[in-house]
Amino acid sequence: MILLPNVSYSQKEIEHILSHEQQHILNHDIWIKQLMNLLTIVYWWFLPVYWLKNQVQIVLEMRVDEKVTRSMTQEKMLDYVSTLVEMNEKITKNVLQKKLRFSSSFFLAENRNVLSYRVQYLLESKQKKKTNKGILLFVFMLPVFTNLVIFEPYHENAPGTEGTWSEQEMQEQGYLIHHQDGTYTFCIDGQQATIQNIKDPIFENIRVIEEE
């Protein structure tokens, strides 16, 4: 469904608007936007995700602009650019007067810098310059990667480790007693402990003494 504000349109403007919105549908941009919304919800505390969301929105609009104008003549492309500027002015004025919000992404109330960049992008044919897909993937996955690695400090003699032994100390100084009833006792530094799970990998390299 494409919703248009109740303002006057020329036939040229209607054609450009509908072709723009139809291209969004063909590109399945709604799913990309929903994915960005989901990332923003999950990583609401990670401030760069809001910047990423805005940049994705701009890239989607520029991709549609490029595809819609790809087969246009220079004259028709200039008409399309003119429609972008005219409709942005018209809708911005309507929003300010009536405080309305519209669903059509063609009518996105953009700031001057974004609109200027979109127009410049089209006029200078910058759409032919492709961004490296690896860079795009890295930027997109950055919010996810930041949560995959957790750094914690390491203390050689951290509080709470007193009276414990490292794995190396257990292997070098400790030993196991294999009792006749099949149970095991671990001995180290004059202390003993009954082993509940002898298959634990930590006991693999510890010497075993058979009980007589």
N, C-alpha and C. Protein backbone atom coordinates (compact mmCIF):
# COMPACT_ATOMS: atom_id res chain seq x y z
N MET A 1 0.85 -1.18 0.00
CA MET A 1 0.00 0.00 0.00
C MET A 1 0.89 1.23 0.00
N ILE A 2 0.60 2.16 -0.89
CA ILE A 2 1.35 3.41 -0.98
C ILE A 2 0.41 4.55 -0.59
N LEU A 3 0.75 5.27 0.46
CA LEU A 3 -0.08 6.36 0.95
C LEU A 3 0.53 7.70 0.54
N LEU A 4 -0.29 8.55 -0.04
CA LEU A 4 0.17 9.86 -0.48
C LEU A 4 -0.58 10.95 0.27
N PRO A 5 0.10 12.00 0.66
CA PRO A 5 -0.58 13.11 1.34
C PRO A 5 -1.54 13.83 0.40
N ASN A 6 -2.50 14.47 0.97
CA ASN A 6 -3.55 15.13 0.20
C ASN A 6 -3.08 16.51 -0.26
N VAL A 7 -2.19 16.50 -1.27
CA VAL A 7 -1.72 17.74 -1.89
C VAL A 7 -1.83 17.58 -3.39
N SER A 8 -1.66 18.65 -4.11
CA SER A 8 -1.79 18.59 -5.57
C SER A 8 -0.54 18.01 -6.20
N TYR A 9 -0.73 17.20 -7.25
CA TYR A 9 0.38 16.58 -7.97
C TYR A 9 0.18 16.78 -9.46
N SER A 10 1.29 16.93 -10.15
CA SER A 10 1.24 16.89 -11.61
C SER A 10 1.35 15.43 -12.03
N GLN A 11 1.05 15.15 -13.29
CA GLN A 11 1.15 13.79 -13.79
C GLN A 11 2.60 13.29 -13.71
N LYS A 12 3.52 14.18 -13.98
CA LYS A 12 4.95 13.83 -13.90
C LYS A 12 5.33 13.43 -12.48
N GLU A 13 4.85 14.19 -11.50
CA GLU A 13 5.17 13.91 -10.11
C GLU A 13 4.58 12.57 -9.66
N ILE A 14 3.35 12.30 -10.08
CA ILE A 14 2.72 11.02 -9.75
C ILE A 14 3.53 9.85 -10.29
N GLU A 15 3.97 9.97 -11.52
CA GLU A 15 4.75 8.90 -12.14
C GLU A 15 6.06 8.66 -11.39
N HIS A 16 6.72 9.74 -11.03
CA HIS A 16 8.00 9.60 -10.33
C HIS A 16 7.81 9.03 -8.92
N ILE A 17 6.79 9.49 -8.26
CA ILE A 17 6.52 9.00 -6.90
C ILE A 17 6.21 7.51 -6.89
N LEU A 18 5.32 7.11 -7.78
CA LEU A 18 4.93 5.71 -7.81
C LEU A 18 6.07 4.80 -8.26
N SER A 19 6.88 5.25 -9.21
CA SER A 19 8.01 4.44 -9.65
C SER A 19 9.03 4.29 -8.52
N HIS A 20 9.21 5.36 -7.75
CA HIS A 20 10.12 5.31 -6.61
C HIS A 20 9.63 4.33 -5.55
N GLU A 21 8.37 4.42 -5.19
CA GLU A 21 7.82 3.55 -4.15
C GLU A 21 7.73 2.10 -4.63
N GLN A 22 7.41 1.91 -5.89
CA GLN A 22 7.35 0.56 -6.44
C GLN A 22 8.73 -0.10 -6.40
N GLN A 23 9.78 0.68 -6.63
CA GLN A 23 11.14 0.13 -6.58
C GLN A 23 11.50 -0.29 -5.17
N HIS A 24 11.03 0.47 -4.17
CA HIS A 24 11.25 0.06 -2.78
C HIS A 24 10.63 -1.32 -2.53
N ILE A 25 9.44 -1.52 -3.06
CA ILE A 25 8.74 -2.80 -2.88
C ILE A 25 9.51 -3.92 -3.57
N LEU A 26 9.98 -3.65 -4.80
CA LEU A 26 10.73 -4.67 -5.54
C LEU A 26 12.06 -5.01 -4.85
N ASN A 27 12.64 -4.03 -4.19
CA ASN A 27 13.91 -4.25 -3.49
C ASN A 27 13.73 -4.92 -2.13
N HIS A 28 12.48 -5.09 -1.70
CA HIS A 28 12.18 -5.65 -0.38
C HIS A 28 12.84 -4.82 0.73
N ASP A 29 12.85 -3.51 0.55
CA ASP A 29 13.49 -2.64 1.52
C ASP A 29 12.80 -2.66 2.88
N ILE A 30 11.53 -3.01 2.90
CA ILE A 30 10.81 -3.04 4.18
C ILE A 30 11.45 -4.03 5.14
N TRP A 31 11.98 -5.15 4.60
CA TRP A 31 12.62 -6.15 5.46
C TRP A 31 13.95 -5.66 6.01
N ILE A 32 14.67 -4.91 5.18
CA ILE A 32 15.93 -4.34 5.65
C ILE A 32 15.66 -3.32 6.76
N LYS A 33 14.62 -2.52 6.57
CA LYS A 33 14.28 -1.53 7.59
C LYS A 33 13.82 -2.20 8.89
N GLN A 34 13.07 -3.27 8.77
CA GLN A 34 12.63 -3.98 9.98
C GLN A 34 13.82 -4.62 10.70
N LEU A 35 14.79 -5.12 9.93
CA LEU A 35 16.00 -5.69 10.54
C LEU A 35 16.77 -4.61 11.30
N MET A 36 16.87 -3.42 10.71
CA MET A 36 17.54 -2.31 11.39
C MET A 36 16.77 -1.90 12.64
N ASN A 37 15.46 -1.94 12.58
CA ASN A 37 14.65 -1.63 13.76
C ASN A 37 14.92 -2.64 14.87
N LEU A 38 15.05 -3.92 14.48
CA LEU A 38 15.32 -4.98 15.45
C LEU A 38 16.70 -4.79 16.09
N LEU A 39 17.70 -4.45 15.26
CA LEU A 39 19.04 -4.20 15.79
C LEU A 39 19.04 -3.02 16.76
N THR A 40 18.26 -2.00 16.41
CA THR A 40 18.18 -0.82 17.28
C THR A 40 17.53 -1.16 18.61
N ILE A 41 16.54 -2.04 18.58
CA ILE A 41 15.88 -2.46 19.82
C ILE A 41 16.83 -3.28 20.69
N VAL A 42 17.55 -4.22 20.06
CA VAL A 42 18.43 -5.10 20.82
C VAL A 42 19.65 -4.34 21.35
N TYR A 43 20.22 -3.47 20.50
CA TYR A 43 21.42 -2.72 20.88
C TYR A 43 21.09 -1.25 21.13
N TRP A 44 20.00 -0.99 21.84
CA TRP A 44 19.57 0.38 22.10
C TRP A 44 20.61 1.19 22.84
N TRP A 45 21.46 0.52 23.60
CA TRP A 45 22.48 1.21 24.41
C TRP A 45 23.73 1.56 23.61
N PHE A 46 23.88 0.97 22.41
CA PHE A 46 25.08 1.15 21.58
C PHE A 46 24.83 2.31 20.60
N LEU A 47 25.32 3.49 20.94
CA LEU A 47 24.97 4.70 20.19
C LEU A 47 25.27 4.63 18.68
N PRO A 48 26.38 4.02 18.23
CA PRO A 48 26.63 3.97 16.78
C PRO A 48 25.55 3.25 15.98
N VAL A 49 24.71 2.43 16.63
CA VAL A 49 23.67 1.72 15.88
C VAL A 49 22.63 2.70 15.33
N TYR A 50 22.43 3.83 16.00
CA TYR A 50 21.49 4.83 15.50
C TYR A 50 22.07 5.52 14.26
N TRP A 51 23.37 5.76 14.29
CA TRP A 51 24.03 6.32 13.10
C TRP A 51 23.93 5.33 11.94
N LEU A 52 24.17 4.05 12.23
CA LEU A 52 24.09 3.03 11.19
C LEU A 52 22.69 2.96 10.60
N LYS A 53 21.67 3.05 11.45
CA LYS A 53 20.29 3.01 10.97
C LYS A 53 20.01 4.15 10.01
N ASN A 54 20.48 5.34 10.34
CA ASN A 54 20.27 6.50 9.47
C ASN A 54 21.01 6.33 8.14
N GLN A 55 22.23 5.80 8.21
CA GLN A 55 23.01 5.61 6.99
C GLN A 55 22.37 4.57 6.08
N VAL A 56 21.84 3.50 6.66
CA VAL A 56 21.16 2.48 5.86
C VAL A 56 19.94 3.07 5.17
N GLN A 57 19.19 3.93 5.89
CA GLN A 57 18.02 4.59 5.32
C GLN A 57 18.42 5.42 4.10
N ILE A 58 19.51 6.17 4.23
CA ILE A 58 19.98 7.01 3.11
C ILE A 58 20.42 6.15 1.93
N VAL A 59 21.16 5.07 2.23
CA VAL A 59 21.64 4.18 1.16
C VAL A 59 20.47 3.55 0.41
N LEU A 60 19.44 3.15 1.14
CA LEU A 60 18.26 2.56 0.48
C LEU A 60 17.61 3.55 -0.46
N GLU A 61 17.51 4.82 -0.03
CA GLU A 61 16.91 5.84 -0.89
C GLU A 61 17.77 6.09 -2.12
N MET A 62 19.07 6.13 -1.94
CA MET A 62 19.97 6.38 -3.07
C MET A 62 19.96 5.20 -4.04
N ARG A 63 19.85 3.99 -3.52
CA ARG A 63 19.79 2.82 -4.39
C ARG A 63 18.53 2.86 -5.25
N VAL A 64 17.41 3.26 -4.64
CA VAL A 64 16.17 3.38 -5.41
C VAL A 64 16.29 4.49 -6.45
N ASP A 65 16.85 5.62 -6.06
CA ASP A 65 17.04 6.72 -7.03
C ASP A 65 17.83 6.24 -8.23
N GLU A 66 18.89 5.49 -7.96
CA GLU A 66 19.74 5.01 -9.06
C GLU A 66 19.00 4.05 -9.98
N LYS A 67 18.26 3.11 -9.39
CA LYS A 67 17.56 2.12 -10.22
C LYS A 67 16.42 2.74 -11.02
N VAL A 68 15.72 3.69 -10.41
CA VAL A 68 14.60 4.33 -11.11
C VAL A 68 15.10 5.15 -12.30
N THR A 69 16.24 5.82 -12.14
CA THR A 69 16.74 6.71 -13.20
C THR A 69 17.71 6.02 -14.15
N ARG A 70 18.01 4.76 -13.91
CA ARG A 70 19.03 4.06 -14.71
C ARG A 70 18.72 4.08 -16.19
N SER A 71 17.46 3.86 -16.55
CA SER A 71 17.09 3.79 -17.97
C SER A 71 16.52 5.11 -18.49
N MET A 72 16.55 6.16 -17.68
CA MET A 72 16.01 7.46 -18.10
C MET A 72 17.01 8.22 -18.96
N THR A 73 16.47 9.05 -19.81
CA THR A 73 17.32 9.99 -20.55
C THR A 73 17.76 11.09 -19.59
N GLN A 74 18.72 11.90 -20.03
CA GLN A 74 19.20 12.97 -19.18
C GLN A 74 18.07 13.94 -18.82
N GLU A 75 17.21 14.20 -19.77
CA GLU A 75 16.10 15.13 -19.53
C GLU A 75 15.12 14.58 -18.50
N LYS A 76 14.76 13.31 -18.61
CA LYS A 76 13.84 12.70 -17.65
C LYS A 76 14.47 12.57 -16.27
N MET A 77 15.77 12.31 -16.25
CA MET A 77 16.45 12.21 -14.97
C MET A 77 16.43 13.55 -14.25
N LEU A 78 16.61 14.64 -15.00
CA LEU A 78 16.54 15.97 -14.41
C LEU A 78 15.13 16.27 -13.91
N ASP A 79 14.12 15.77 -14.62
CA ASP A 79 12.74 15.93 -14.14
C ASP A 79 12.54 15.20 -12.82
N TYR A 80 13.14 14.02 -12.71
CA TYR A 80 13.04 13.24 -11.47
C TYR A 80 13.70 13.99 -10.32
N VAL A 81 14.88 14.55 -10.57
CA VAL A 81 15.59 15.32 -9.55
C VAL A 81 14.77 16.54 -9.15
N SER A 82 14.17 17.18 -10.14
CA SER A 82 13.33 18.34 -9.86
C SER A 82 12.14 17.96 -8.99
N THR A 83 11.58 16.78 -9.24
CA THR A 83 10.45 16.31 -8.43
C THR A 83 10.89 16.06 -6.99
N LEU A 84 12.09 15.50 -6.81
CA LEU A 84 12.61 15.29 -5.46
C LEU A 84 12.64 16.59 -4.67
N VAL A 85 13.18 17.62 -5.30
CA VAL A 85 13.32 18.91 -4.62
C VAL A 85 11.96 19.55 -4.38
N GLU A 86 11.12 19.57 -5.41
CA GLU A 86 9.82 20.24 -5.31
C GLU A 86 8.93 19.56 -4.27
N MET A 87 8.89 18.23 -4.28
CA MET A 87 8.03 17.53 -3.35
C MET A 87 8.54 17.64 -1.92
N ASN A 88 9.85 17.67 -1.75
CA ASN A 88 10.39 17.85 -0.41
C ASN A 88 9.98 19.20 0.16
N GLU A 89 10.03 20.23 -0.66
CA GLU A 89 9.61 21.56 -0.22
C GLU A 89 8.11 21.57 0.08
N LYS A 90 7.35 20.98 -0.80
CA LYS A 90 5.90 20.99 -0.65
C LYS A 90 5.46 20.22 0.60
N ILE A 91 6.02 19.05 0.78
CA ILE A 91 5.61 18.22 1.92
C ILE A 91 6.13 18.79 3.23
N THR A 92 7.34 19.33 3.21
CA THR A 92 7.86 19.95 4.43
C THR A 92 6.95 21.08 4.89
N LYS A 93 6.50 21.89 3.95
CA LYS A 93 5.59 22.99 4.28
C LYS A 93 4.26 22.43 4.81
N ASN A 94 3.78 21.35 4.21
CA ASN A 94 2.52 20.75 4.65
C ASN A 94 2.64 20.17 6.06
N VAL A 95 3.81 19.54 6.34
CA VAL A 95 4.04 18.97 7.67
C VAL A 95 4.07 20.06 8.72
N LEU A 96 4.73 21.16 8.41
CA LEU A 96 4.83 22.26 9.37
C LEU A 96 3.47 22.89 9.64
N GLN A 97 2.63 22.94 8.62
CA GLN A 97 1.32 23.57 8.77
C GLN A 97 0.33 22.65 9.48
N LYS A 98 0.33 21.37 9.12
CA LYS A 98 -0.69 20.46 9.63
C LYS A 98 -0.14 19.43 10.62
N LYS A 99 1.18 19.44 10.83
CA LYS A 99 1.82 18.50 11.75
C LYS A 99 1.50 17.04 11.40
N LEU A 100 1.62 16.74 10.10
CA LEU A 100 1.31 15.38 9.63
C LEU A 100 2.59 14.58 9.48
N ARG A 101 2.44 13.26 9.50
CA ARG A 101 3.56 12.36 9.24
C ARG A 101 3.10 11.37 8.17
N PHE A 102 3.96 11.14 7.17
CA PHE A 102 3.54 10.33 6.03
C PHE A 102 4.37 9.06 5.93
N SER A 103 3.73 8.01 5.41
CA SER A 103 4.39 6.72 5.28
C SER A 103 5.27 6.64 4.05
N SER A 104 4.95 7.39 3.00
CA SER A 104 5.69 7.28 1.75
C SER A 104 7.13 7.72 1.95
N SER A 105 8.08 6.83 1.63
CA SER A 105 9.49 7.17 1.83
C SER A 105 9.95 8.22 0.83
N PHE A 106 9.22 8.37 -0.28
CA PHE A 106 9.56 9.43 -1.24
C PHE A 106 9.41 10.78 -0.57
N PHE A 107 8.50 10.86 0.40
CA PHE A 107 8.20 12.12 1.08
C PHE A 107 8.96 12.25 2.39
N LEU A 108 10.01 11.46 2.54
CA LEU A 108 10.79 11.53 3.76
C LEU A 108 11.23 12.97 3.99
N ALA A 109 10.87 13.53 5.15
CA ALA A 109 11.22 14.90 5.45
C ALA A 109 12.71 14.98 5.76
N GLU A 110 13.53 15.06 4.74
CA GLU A 110 14.96 15.01 4.89
C GLU A 110 15.53 16.39 5.20
N ASN A 111 16.68 16.39 5.85
CA ASN A 111 17.35 17.67 6.03
C ASN A 111 18.00 18.08 4.71
N ARG A 112 18.42 19.31 4.64
CA ARG A 112 18.96 19.85 3.39
C ARG A 112 20.20 19.10 2.93
N ASN A 113 21.03 18.68 3.86
CA ASN A 113 22.27 18.00 3.49
C ASN A 113 22.01 16.66 2.81
N VAL A 114 21.05 15.89 3.34
CA VAL A 114 20.74 14.59 2.76
C VAL A 114 20.14 14.75 1.36
N LEU A 115 19.20 15.66 1.24
CA LEU A 115 18.57 15.90 -0.07
C LEU A 115 19.61 16.38 -1.07
N SER A 116 20.49 17.28 -0.63
CA SER A 116 21.54 17.80 -1.51
C SER A 116 22.46 16.68 -1.97
N TYR A 117 22.77 15.76 -1.05
CA TYR A 117 23.66 14.65 -1.40
C TYR A 117 22.99 13.72 -2.40
N ARG A 118 21.71 13.45 -2.22
CA ARG A 118 20.98 12.59 -3.16
C ARG A 118 20.95 13.20 -4.55
N VAL A 119 20.70 14.51 -4.61
CA VAL A 119 20.64 15.20 -5.90
C VAL A 119 22.02 15.20 -6.55
N GLN A 120 23.04 15.50 -5.77
CA GLN A 120 24.41 15.52 -6.30
C GLN A 120 24.82 14.14 -6.77
N TYR A 121 24.42 13.14 -6.04
CA TYR A 121 24.73 11.75 -6.38
C TYR A 121 24.19 11.40 -7.77
N LEU A 122 22.98 11.86 -8.04
CA LEU A 122 22.36 11.58 -9.34
C LEU A 122 22.98 12.42 -10.45
N LEU A 123 23.16 13.69 -10.20
CA LEU A 123 23.65 14.60 -11.24
C LEU A 123 25.08 14.29 -11.66
N GLU A 124 25.88 13.82 -10.73
CA GLU A 124 27.28 13.54 -11.04
C GLU A 124 27.52 12.07 -11.35
N SER A 125 26.43 11.30 -11.44
CA SER A 125 26.50 9.86 -11.79
C SER A 125 27.40 9.08 -10.85
N LYS A 126 27.33 9.42 -9.57
CA LYS A 126 28.16 8.73 -8.59
C LYS A 126 27.65 7.33 -8.27
N GLN A 127 26.46 7.00 -8.80
CA GLN A 127 25.94 5.67 -8.52
C GLN A 127 26.80 4.57 -9.14
N LYS A 128 27.68 4.93 -10.09
CA LYS A 128 28.52 3.94 -10.74
C LYS A 128 29.69 3.52 -9.85
N LYS A 129 29.94 4.29 -8.81
CA LYS A 129 31.01 3.97 -7.89
C LYS A 129 30.47 3.09 -6.77
N LYS A 130 30.89 1.85 -6.75
CA LYS A 130 30.36 0.89 -5.80
C LYS A 130 31.23 0.83 -4.54
N THR A 131 30.59 0.68 -3.41
CA THR A 131 31.31 0.50 -2.15
C THR A 131 31.66 -0.97 -2.00
N ASN A 132 32.87 -1.23 -1.51
CA ASN A 132 33.33 -2.60 -1.31
C ASN A 132 32.35 -3.35 -0.41
N LYS A 133 31.91 -4.53 -0.86
CA LYS A 133 30.92 -5.30 -0.11
C LYS A 133 31.47 -5.75 1.25
N GLY A 134 32.78 -5.99 1.31
CA GLY A 134 33.38 -6.37 2.58
C GLY A 134 33.26 -5.27 3.62
N ILE A 135 33.44 -4.01 3.19
CA ILE A 135 33.31 -2.88 4.10
C ILE A 135 31.88 -2.74 4.57
N LEU A 136 30.93 -2.90 3.65
CA LEU A 136 29.53 -2.80 4.02
C LEU A 136 29.15 -3.89 5.03
N LEU A 137 29.64 -5.11 4.80
CA LEU A 137 29.35 -6.21 5.72
C LEU A 137 29.95 -5.95 7.09
N PHE A 138 31.18 -5.41 7.11
CA PHE A 138 31.84 -5.11 8.38
C PHE A 138 31.06 -4.07 9.17
N VAL A 139 30.64 -2.99 8.48
CA VAL A 139 29.89 -1.92 9.15
C VAL A 139 28.56 -2.45 9.68
N PHE A 140 27.91 -3.31 8.88
CA PHE A 140 26.61 -3.85 9.28
C PHE A 140 26.73 -4.78 10.48
N MET A 141 27.82 -5.57 10.53
CA MET A 141 27.97 -6.56 11.59
C MET A 141 28.68 -6.01 12.82
N LEU A 142 29.20 -4.77 12.75
CA LEU A 142 29.94 -4.20 13.87
C LEU A 142 29.16 -4.24 15.19
N PRO A 143 27.86 -3.86 15.22
CA PRO A 143 27.14 -3.92 16.50
C PRO A 143 27.06 -5.32 17.08
N VAL A 144 27.02 -6.33 16.19
CA VAL A 144 26.94 -7.72 16.67
C VAL A 144 28.29 -8.18 17.22
N PHE A 145 29.37 -7.85 16.48
CA PHE A 145 30.70 -8.30 16.89
C PHE A 145 31.12 -7.71 18.23
N THR A 146 30.66 -6.51 18.54
CA THR A 146 31.08 -5.87 19.79
C THR A 146 30.61 -6.64 21.02
N ASN A 147 29.61 -7.51 20.86
CA ASN A 147 29.11 -8.29 22.00
C ASN A 147 29.63 -9.72 22.01
N LEU A 148 30.41 -10.10 21.01
CA LEU A 148 30.89 -11.47 20.94
C LEU A 148 32.16 -11.68 21.76
N VAL A 149 32.88 -10.60 22.07
CA VAL A 149 34.13 -10.70 22.81
C VAL A 149 34.01 -9.91 24.10
N ILE A 150 34.34 -10.54 25.21
CA ILE A 150 34.32 -9.88 26.51
C ILE A 150 35.73 -9.93 27.10
N PHE A 151 36.26 -8.78 27.45
CA PHE A 151 37.59 -8.70 28.03
C PHE A 151 37.48 -8.62 29.54
N GLU A 152 38.25 -9.48 30.23
CA GLU A 152 38.28 -9.48 31.68
C GLU A 152 39.72 -9.44 32.16
N PRO A 153 40.00 -8.76 33.25
CA PRO A 153 41.38 -8.69 33.75
C PRO A 153 41.84 -10.03 34.30
N TYR A 154 43.14 -10.28 34.18
CA TYR A 154 43.73 -11.52 34.71
C TYR A 154 44.65 -11.17 35.87
N HIS A 155 44.50 -11.87 37.00
CA HIS A 155 45.34 -11.65 38.16
C HIS A 155 46.04 -12.96 38.51
N GLU A 156 47.36 -12.88 38.62
CA GLU A 156 48.13 -14.09 38.96
C GLU A 156 47.75 -14.59 40.34
N ASN A 157 47.64 -13.67 41.29
CA ASN A 157 47.25 -14.04 42.65
C ASN A 157 46.01 -13.24 43.05
N ALA A 158 44.94 -13.50 42.32
CA ALA A 158 43.71 -12.74 42.54
C ALA A 158 43.09 -13.10 43.89
N PRO A 159 42.40 -12.15 44.52
CA PRO A 159 41.70 -12.45 45.78
C PRO A 159 40.73 -13.60 45.58
N GLY A 160 40.67 -14.50 46.52
CA GLY A 160 39.76 -15.63 46.42
C GLY A 160 40.41 -16.88 45.88
N THR A 161 41.68 -16.76 45.40
CA THR A 161 42.37 -17.96 44.88
C THR A 161 43.31 -18.57 45.91
N GLU A 162 43.40 -17.96 47.07
CA GLU A 162 44.28 -18.49 48.11
C GLU A 162 43.79 -19.89 48.54
N GLY A 163 44.71 -20.82 48.61
CA GLY A 163 44.35 -22.19 48.99
C GLY A 163 43.93 -23.04 47.81
N THR A 164 44.04 -22.51 46.61
CA THR A 164 43.70 -23.29 45.41
C THR A 164 44.98 -23.58 44.64
N TRP A 165 44.91 -24.49 43.66
CA TRP A 165 46.07 -24.87 42.87
C TRP A 165 45.75 -24.72 41.39
N SER A 166 46.75 -24.38 40.64
CA SER A 166 46.58 -24.30 39.20
C SER A 166 46.60 -25.70 38.62
N GLU A 167 46.20 -25.83 37.37
CA GLU A 167 46.19 -27.14 36.72
C GLU A 167 47.60 -27.72 36.64
N GLN A 168 48.58 -26.85 36.39
CA GLN A 168 49.96 -27.32 36.31
C GLN A 168 50.44 -27.83 37.66
N GLU A 169 50.08 -27.10 38.75
CA GLU A 169 50.47 -27.54 40.09
C GLU A 169 49.81 -28.86 40.45
N MET A 170 48.57 -29.05 40.04
CA MET A 170 47.87 -30.30 40.33
C MET A 170 48.56 -31.48 39.63
N GLN A 171 49.05 -31.26 38.42
CA GLN A 171 49.68 -32.34 37.67
C GLN A 171 51.08 -32.64 38.19
N GLU A 172 51.79 -31.60 38.64
CA GLU A 172 53.17 -31.80 39.08
C GLU A 172 53.27 -32.25 40.54
N GLN A 173 52.38 -31.74 41.41
CA GLN A 173 52.49 -32.00 42.84
C GLN A 173 51.45 -33.00 43.36
N GLY A 174 50.34 -33.16 42.63
CA GLY A 174 49.27 -34.00 43.12
C GLY A 174 49.33 -35.43 42.57
N TYR A 175 48.52 -36.30 43.13
CA TYR A 175 48.42 -37.68 42.64
C TYR A 175 47.05 -38.24 43.04
N LEU A 176 46.63 -39.29 42.35
CA LEU A 176 45.35 -39.94 42.60
C LEU A 176 45.57 -41.30 43.25
N ILE A 177 44.73 -41.63 44.19
CA ILE A 177 44.73 -42.96 44.79
C ILE A 177 43.50 -43.69 44.28
N HIS A 178 43.74 -44.83 43.61
CA HIS A 178 42.64 -45.65 43.09
C HIS A 178 42.33 -46.73 44.13
N HIS A 179 41.21 -46.56 44.81
CA HIS A 179 40.84 -47.51 45.87
C HIS A 179 40.30 -48.80 45.28
N GLN A 180 40.30 -49.84 46.08
CA GLN A 180 39.84 -51.15 45.63
C GLN A 180 38.35 -51.15 45.31
N ASP A 181 37.60 -50.24 45.92
CA ASP A 181 36.16 -50.19 45.61
C ASP A 181 35.86 -49.38 44.35
N GLY A 182 36.91 -48.93 43.65
CA GLY A 182 36.73 -48.23 42.39
C GLY A 182 36.68 -46.71 42.52
N THR A 183 36.68 -46.20 43.72
CA THR A 183 36.65 -44.75 43.91
C THR A 183 38.05 -44.17 43.84
N TYR A 184 38.13 -42.85 43.70
CA TYR A 184 39.42 -42.17 43.60
C TYR A 184 39.50 -41.05 44.63
N THR A 185 40.70 -40.84 45.15
CA THR A 185 40.97 -39.73 46.05
C THR A 185 42.13 -38.92 45.49
N PHE A 186 41.96 -37.60 45.44
CA PHE A 186 43.03 -36.74 44.95
C PHE A 186 43.79 -36.18 46.15
N CYS A 187 45.13 -36.28 46.09
CA CYS A 187 45.98 -35.83 47.19
C CYS A 187 46.98 -34.80 46.70
N ILE A 188 47.12 -33.72 47.48
CA ILE A 188 48.09 -32.68 47.15
C ILE A 188 48.40 -31.87 48.40
N ASP A 189 49.66 -31.63 48.64
CA ASP A 189 50.11 -30.80 49.75
C ASP A 189 49.50 -31.22 51.09
N GLY A 190 49.42 -32.54 51.30
CA GLY A 190 48.90 -33.05 52.56
C GLY A 190 47.39 -33.01 52.69
N GLN A 191 46.67 -32.63 51.63
CA GLN A 191 45.21 -32.57 51.67
C GLN A 191 44.64 -33.61 50.71
N GLN A 192 43.43 -34.07 51.03
CA GLN A 192 42.79 -35.09 50.21
C GLN A 192 41.35 -34.68 49.88
N ALA A 193 40.89 -35.16 48.74
CA ALA A 193 39.51 -34.88 48.33
C ALA A 193 39.00 -36.05 47.50
N THR A 194 37.77 -36.47 47.78
CA THR A 194 37.17 -37.57 47.02
C THR A 194 36.73 -37.04 45.65
N ILE A 195 37.07 -37.81 44.60
CA ILE A 195 36.75 -37.39 43.23
C ILE A 195 35.41 -37.97 42.82
N GLN A 196 34.51 -37.09 42.41
CA GLN A 196 33.19 -37.53 41.97
C GLN A 196 33.18 -37.94 40.50
N ASN A 197 33.98 -37.24 39.68
CA ASN A 197 34.00 -37.53 38.23
C ASN A 197 35.44 -37.69 37.78
N ILE A 198 35.91 -38.91 37.77
CA ILE A 198 37.30 -39.18 37.41
C ILE A 198 37.56 -38.93 35.93
N LYS A 199 36.51 -38.83 35.12
CA LYS A 199 36.66 -38.61 33.68
C LYS A 199 36.88 -37.14 33.33
N ASP A 200 36.86 -36.28 34.34
CA ASP A 200 37.11 -34.86 34.09
C ASP A 200 38.50 -34.71 33.46
N PRO A 201 38.62 -33.95 32.35
CA PRO A 201 39.91 -33.82 31.64
C PRO A 201 41.05 -33.32 32.52
N ILE A 202 40.74 -32.64 33.60
CA ILE A 202 41.80 -32.08 34.46
C ILE A 202 42.61 -33.18 35.15
N PHE A 203 42.04 -34.41 35.25
CA PHE A 203 42.74 -35.51 35.91
C PHE A 203 43.48 -36.43 34.94
N GLU A 204 43.46 -36.09 33.66
CA GLU A 204 44.03 -37.00 32.65
C GLU A 204 45.53 -37.22 32.85
N ASN A 205 46.27 -36.16 33.17
CA ASN A 205 47.74 -36.26 33.24
C ASN A 205 48.26 -36.34 34.67
N ILE A 206 47.40 -36.69 35.61
CA ILE A 206 47.82 -36.82 37.01
C ILE A 206 48.13 -38.30 37.29
N ARG A 207 49.28 -38.55 37.93
CA ARG A 207 49.69 -39.94 38.17
C ARG A 207 48.73 -40.63 39.15
N VAL A 208 48.54 -41.92 38.93
CA VAL A 208 47.57 -42.72 39.71
C VAL A 208 48.33 -43.78 40.51
N ILE A 209 48.02 -43.88 41.78
CA ILE A 209 48.59 -44.90 42.66
C ILE A 209 47.49 -45.89 43.03
N GLU A 210 47.75 -47.18 42.80
CA GLU A 210 46.78 -48.20 43.10
C GLU A 210 46.83 -48.58 44.58
N GLU A 211 45.69 -48.59 45.23
CA GLU A 211 45.62 -48.98 46.65
C GLU A 211 45.86 -50.48 46.81
N GLU A 212 46.71 -50.85 47.74
CA GLU A 212 46.99 -52.28 47.94
C GLU A 212 46.02 -52.91 48.91
